[in-house]
């Protein structure tokens, strides 16, 4: 009991310092939480990748490796699933908005609440109760505004994500005529592989790629076909060279 009395006497004696300090700490708590944006870093990465894909759609697979981890995983899921377009596998991943400086606030709230006990021992100090009302109303307002701001920031993040998916869809959509041309190129590369693969065959394959295969944008599936044909050609050349 003597300990509690000592603490209360200390708080009452230095209330002109403790209460303003509690108000300052609450203000700090408000500033940090209201200014926080859990999507800021992610948005920056996605915007940068989206702009690159919009400028160079044929390099979408390369730029996708710079996406945030969650969306990089979704890109791999798209590639492995052989889906018609990325929008079939991509979905927005919300990030939970955590309360920052929570321990500091709890400590401040505990100290502030002790003035309710002080008021019980000295009812003449009504300013202690007024301070409590203002303190907790301010806290409630901070949490409400923080929630509203988080919802707005999440909406913006969804718009940025939607633009990314739109650009990915555009980058992986190839006109039918171009698709047919690439399939024809792959077939011609396979024809090279049916004969003896030498330096001349590789030179012709290289010329074929320059004139046809590399002049159009390609989907991930088409790139996979082209890579398979090239790998087969190179392996045949390596085996032929090893026999000599």
Protein backbone atom coordinates (compact mmCIF):
# COMPACT_ATOMS: atom_id res chain seq x y z
CA UNK A 1 0.00 0.00 0.00
CA UNK A 2 2.88 2.34 0.82
CA UNK A 3 4.39 1.55 -2.61
CA UNK A 4 1.16 2.49 -4.40
CA UNK A 5 0.87 5.68 -2.37
CA UNK A 6 4.46 6.62 -3.24
CA UNK A 7 3.83 6.06 -6.97
CA UNK A 8 0.62 8.09 -6.89
CA UNK A 9 2.29 10.92 -5.03
CA UNK A 10 5.10 10.94 -7.60
CA UNK A 11 2.63 11.04 -10.52
CA UNK A 12 0.63 13.82 -8.90
CA UNK A 13 3.75 15.82 -8.12
CA UNK A 14 5.09 15.57 -11.66
CA UNK A 15 1.78 15.52 -13.56
CA UNK A 16 2.81 18.68 -15.42
CA UNK A 17 5.58 16.59 -17.03
CA UNK A 18 4.05 13.09 -17.19
CA UNK A 19 0.72 14.03 -18.80
CA UNK A 20 2.23 16.17 -21.62
CA UNK A 21 4.77 13.38 -22.21
CA UNK A 22 1.90 10.89 -22.54
CA UNK A 23 0.23 13.20 -25.05
CA UNK A 24 3.46 13.48 -27.06
CA UNK A 25 3.91 9.70 -27.10
CA UNK A 26 0.32 9.25 -28.23
CA UNK A 27 0.97 11.76 -31.02
CA UNK A 28 4.08 9.80 -32.05
CA UNK A 29 2.00 6.61 -32.06
CA UNK A 30 -0.55 8.32 -34.31
CA UNK A 31 2.01 9.71 -36.77
CA UNK A 32 3.83 6.39 -37.19
CA UNK A 33 0.66 4.36 -37.69
CA UNK A 34 -1.11 6.83 -39.97
CA UNK A 35 1.94 7.29 -42.16
CA UNK A 36 2.66 3.55 -42.45
CA UNK A 37 1.90 1.88 -45.77
CA UNK A 38 2.47 -1.87 -45.87
CA UNK A 39 2.11 -1.82 -49.67
CA UNK A 40 4.65 0.95 -50.35
CA UNK A 41 7.67 -1.24 -51.13
CA UNK A 42 5.57 -3.81 -53.00
CA UNK A 43 3.88 -1.13 -55.11
CA UNK A 44 7.24 0.32 -56.09
CA UNK A 45 8.50 -3.06 -57.32
CA UNK A 46 5.31 -3.89 -59.19
CA UNK A 47 5.17 -0.50 -60.93
CA UNK A 48 8.80 -0.85 -62.05
CA UNK A 49 8.20 -4.37 -63.41
CA UNK A 50 4.93 -3.35 -65.08
CA UNK A 51 6.58 -0.43 -66.89
CA UNK A 52 9.37 -2.69 -68.15
CA UNK A 53 6.92 -5.34 -69.37
CA UNK A 54 4.85 -2.65 -71.12
CA UNK A 55 7.98 -1.45 -72.93
CA UNK A 56 9.49 -4.89 -73.67
CA UNK A 57 6.69 -7.51 -73.60
CA UNK A 58 8.94 -10.17 -75.14
CA UNK A 59 11.03 -10.08 -71.93
CA UNK A 60 8.10 -10.57 -69.55
CA UNK A 61 9.55 -13.80 -68.11
CA UNK A 62 12.84 -12.07 -67.36
CA UNK A 63 11.21 -9.07 -65.66
CA UNK A 64 8.81 -11.27 -63.67
CA UNK A 65 11.76 -12.50 -61.61
CA UNK A 66 11.91 -9.03 -60.02
CA UNK A 67 8.34 -9.21 -58.70
CA UNK A 68 7.67 -9.46 -54.94
CA UNK A 69 7.99 -13.02 -53.65
CA UNK A 70 4.26 -13.78 -53.57
CA UNK A 71 3.70 -12.69 -57.17
CA UNK A 72 6.91 -14.33 -58.32
CA UNK A 73 5.44 -17.58 -56.97
CA UNK A 74 2.21 -16.92 -58.87
CA UNK A 75 4.19 -16.34 -62.07
CA UNK A 76 5.87 -19.73 -61.61
CA UNK A 77 2.44 -21.27 -61.06
CA UNK A 78 1.26 -19.73 -64.35
CA UNK A 79 4.28 -21.05 -66.25
CA UNK A 80 3.99 -24.55 -64.76
CA UNK A 81 0.21 -24.76 -65.19
CA UNK A 82 0.36 -23.78 -68.87
CA UNK A 83 -2.70 -21.59 -68.32
CA UNK A 84 -3.98 -19.57 -71.26
CA UNK A 85 -3.15 -16.27 -69.58
CA UNK A 86 -1.65 -15.05 -66.26
CA UNK A 87 -4.94 -13.63 -64.97
CA UNK A 88 -6.15 -17.23 -64.51
CA UNK A 89 -3.49 -17.90 -61.87
CA UNK A 90 -2.76 -14.44 -60.45
CA UNK A 91 -4.72 -13.05 -57.51
CA UNK A 92 -4.17 -10.07 -55.25
CA UNK A 93 -2.42 -10.93 -51.99
CA UNK A 94 -3.51 -8.59 -49.17
CA UNK A 95 -1.00 -7.61 -46.47
CA UNK A 96 -2.13 -7.32 -42.86
CA UNK A 97 -1.73 -3.87 -41.36
CA UNK A 98 0.02 -4.34 -38.01
CA UNK A 99 -0.18 -1.77 -35.20
CA UNK A 100 3.21 -0.13 -34.76
CA UNK A 101 4.76 1.05 -31.47
CA UNK A 102 2.20 -1.08 -29.63
CA UNK A 103 4.41 -1.67 -26.58
CA UNK A 104 5.12 2.03 -26.28
CA UNK A 105 1.40 2.76 -26.41
CA UNK A 106 0.62 0.12 -23.77
CA UNK A 107 3.21 1.62 -21.43
CA UNK A 108 1.82 5.11 -22.03
CA UNK A 109 -1.74 3.90 -21.47
CA UNK A 110 -0.80 2.20 -18.19
CA UNK A 111 0.88 5.34 -16.86
CA UNK A 112 -2.02 7.48 -18.03
CA UNK A 113 -4.57 5.15 -16.42
CA UNK A 114 -2.85 5.46 -13.05
CA UNK A 115 -4.21 8.98 -12.89
CA UNK A 116 -7.69 7.48 -12.59
CA UNK A 117 -6.51 5.93 -9.30
CA UNK A 118 -4.95 9.26 -8.35
CA UNK A 119 -8.30 10.94 -8.97
CA UNK A 120 -9.99 8.38 -6.70
CA UNK A 121 -7.72 9.54 -3.86
CA UNK A 122 -8.06 13.20 -4.75
CA UNK A 123 -11.38 13.96 -6.49
CA UNK A 124 -10.47 17.62 -6.73
CA UNK A 125 -8.12 16.83 -9.62
CA UNK A 126 -10.83 16.52 -12.29
CA UNK A 127 -8.34 17.28 -15.03
CA UNK A 128 -7.08 13.73 -14.59
CA UNK A 129 -10.43 12.33 -15.71
CA UNK A 130 -10.67 14.85 -18.54
CA UNK A 131 -7.25 13.76 -19.74
CA UNK A 132 -8.34 10.09 -19.71
CA UNK A 133 -11.41 10.84 -21.79
CA UNK A 134 -9.40 12.82 -24.34
CA UNK A 135 -6.62 10.19 -24.37
CA UNK A 136 -8.90 7.24 -25.13
CA UNK A 137 -11.07 9.14 -27.58
CA UNK A 138 -7.92 10.16 -29.44
CA UNK A 139 -6.75 6.54 -29.48
CA UNK A 140 -10.10 5.37 -30.89
CA UNK A 141 -9.96 8.08 -33.55
CA UNK A 142 -6.41 7.08 -34.49
CA UNK A 143 -7.43 3.45 -34.99
CA UNK A 144 -10.49 4.38 -37.07
CA UNK A 145 -8.53 6.74 -39.33
CA UNK A 146 -5.73 4.18 -39.65
CA UNK A 147 -8.25 1.59 -40.80
CA UNK A 148 -9.76 3.97 -43.36
CA UNK A 149 -6.34 4.90 -44.73
CA UNK A 150 -5.32 1.25 -44.95
CA UNK A 151 -8.42 0.46 -47.00
CA UNK A 152 -7.56 3.30 -49.41
CA UNK A 153 -3.95 2.17 -49.68
CA UNK A 154 -5.12 -1.37 -50.36
CA UNK A 155 -7.42 -0.15 -53.15
CA UNK A 156 -4.48 1.63 -54.76
CA UNK A 157 -2.37 -1.52 -54.44
CA UNK A 158 -5.14 -3.49 -56.15
CA UNK A 159 -5.19 -1.02 -59.05
CA UNK A 160 -1.42 -1.34 -59.44
CA UNK A 161 -1.73 -5.14 -59.31
CA UNK A 162 -4.53 -5.08 -61.91
CA UNK A 163 -2.33 -3.09 -64.31
CA UNK A 164 0.47 -5.65 -63.83
CA UNK A 165 -1.86 -8.53 -64.72
CA UNK A 166 -3.17 -6.61 -67.74
CA UNK A 167 0.35 -6.09 -69.05
CA UNK A 168 1.25 -9.73 -68.39
CA UNK A 169 -1.83 -10.85 -70.31
CA UNK A 170 -0.91 -8.56 -73.18
CA UNK A 171 2.69 -9.78 -73.18
CA UNK A 172 1.68 -13.44 -73.33
CA UNK A 173 -0.98 -12.98 -76.02
CA UNK A 174 0.48 -13.64 -79.45
CA UNK A 175 -1.43 -13.10 -82.73
CA UNK A 176 -2.35 -16.35 -84.44
CA UNK A 177 -0.25 -15.58 -87.52
CA UNK A 178 2.86 -15.04 -85.39
CA UNK A 179 2.15 -18.21 -83.43
CA UNK A 180 1.88 -20.20 -86.64
CA UNK A 181 5.15 -18.69 -87.89
CA UNK A 182 6.97 -19.69 -84.72
CA UNK A 183 5.55 -23.23 -84.85
CA UNK A 184 6.81 -23.46 -88.41
CA UNK A 185 10.24 -22.28 -87.28
CA UNK A 186 10.33 -24.92 -84.54
CA UNK A 187 9.36 -27.59 -87.10
CA UNK A 188 12.20 -26.47 -89.41
CA UNK A 189 14.69 -26.64 -86.55
CA UNK A 190 13.58 -30.20 -85.87
CA UNK A 191 14.16 -31.02 -89.53
CA UNK A 192 17.77 -29.86 -89.16
CA UNK A 193 18.09 -32.27 -86.26
CA UNK A 194 17.05 -35.24 -88.42
CA UNK A 195 20.22 -34.88 -90.49
CA UNK A 196 23.85 -34.65 -89.49
CA UNK A 197 24.22 -31.59 -87.33
CA UNK A 198 27.42 -29.73 -88.19
CA UNK A 199 28.64 -26.15 -88.25
CA UNK A 200 26.77 -25.51 -91.48
CA UNK A 201 23.50 -26.76 -89.97
CA UNK A 202 23.99 -24.56 -86.92
CA UNK A 203 24.70 -21.57 -89.17
CA UNK A 204 21.49 -22.19 -91.10
CA UNK A 205 19.54 -22.56 -87.86
CA UNK A 206 20.97 -19.29 -86.62
CA UNK A 207 19.97 -17.55 -89.83
CA UNK A 208 16.50 -19.06 -89.58
CA UNK A 209 16.06 -17.66 -86.08
CA UNK A 210 17.20 -14.23 -87.16
CA UNK A 211 14.84 -14.15 -90.10
CA UNK A 212 11.77 -15.68 -88.45
CA UNK A 213 11.88 -17.03 -84.95
CA UNK A 214 13.20 -13.97 -83.17
CA UNK A 215 11.18 -11.31 -84.98
CA UNK A 216 7.91 -11.81 -83.04
CA UNK A 217 6.86 -11.82 -79.41
CA UNK A 218 6.45 -15.26 -77.89
CA UNK A 219 4.33 -16.72 -75.13
CA UNK A 220 5.93 -18.78 -72.37
CA UNK A 221 4.70 -22.02 -73.99
CA UNK A 222 6.10 -21.01 -77.38
CA UNK A 223 9.41 -20.07 -75.81
CA UNK A 224 9.49 -23.51 -74.21
CA UNK A 225 8.97 -25.15 -77.62
CA UNK A 226 11.70 -23.04 -79.20
CA UNK A 227 14.13 -23.80 -76.39
CA UNK A 228 13.40 -27.52 -76.74
CA UNK A 229 14.15 -27.47 -80.45
CA UNK A 230 17.38 -25.52 -79.94
CA UNK A 231 18.54 -27.76 -77.10
CA UNK A 232 17.95 -30.84 -79.24
CA UNK A 233 19.94 -29.29 -82.06
CA UNK A 234 22.86 -28.39 -79.80
CA UNK A 235 22.91 -31.83 -78.18
CA UNK A 236 23.02 -33.49 -81.60
CA UNK A 237 25.91 -31.22 -82.59
CA UNK A 238 27.75 -32.06 -79.37
CA UNK A 239 27.33 -35.81 -79.98
CA UNK A 240 28.49 -35.47 -83.59
CA UNK A 241 31.54 -33.51 -82.48
CA UNK A 242 32.40 -36.06 -79.81
CA UNK A 243 32.43 -38.88 -82.39
CA UNK A 244 34.98 -37.09 -84.57
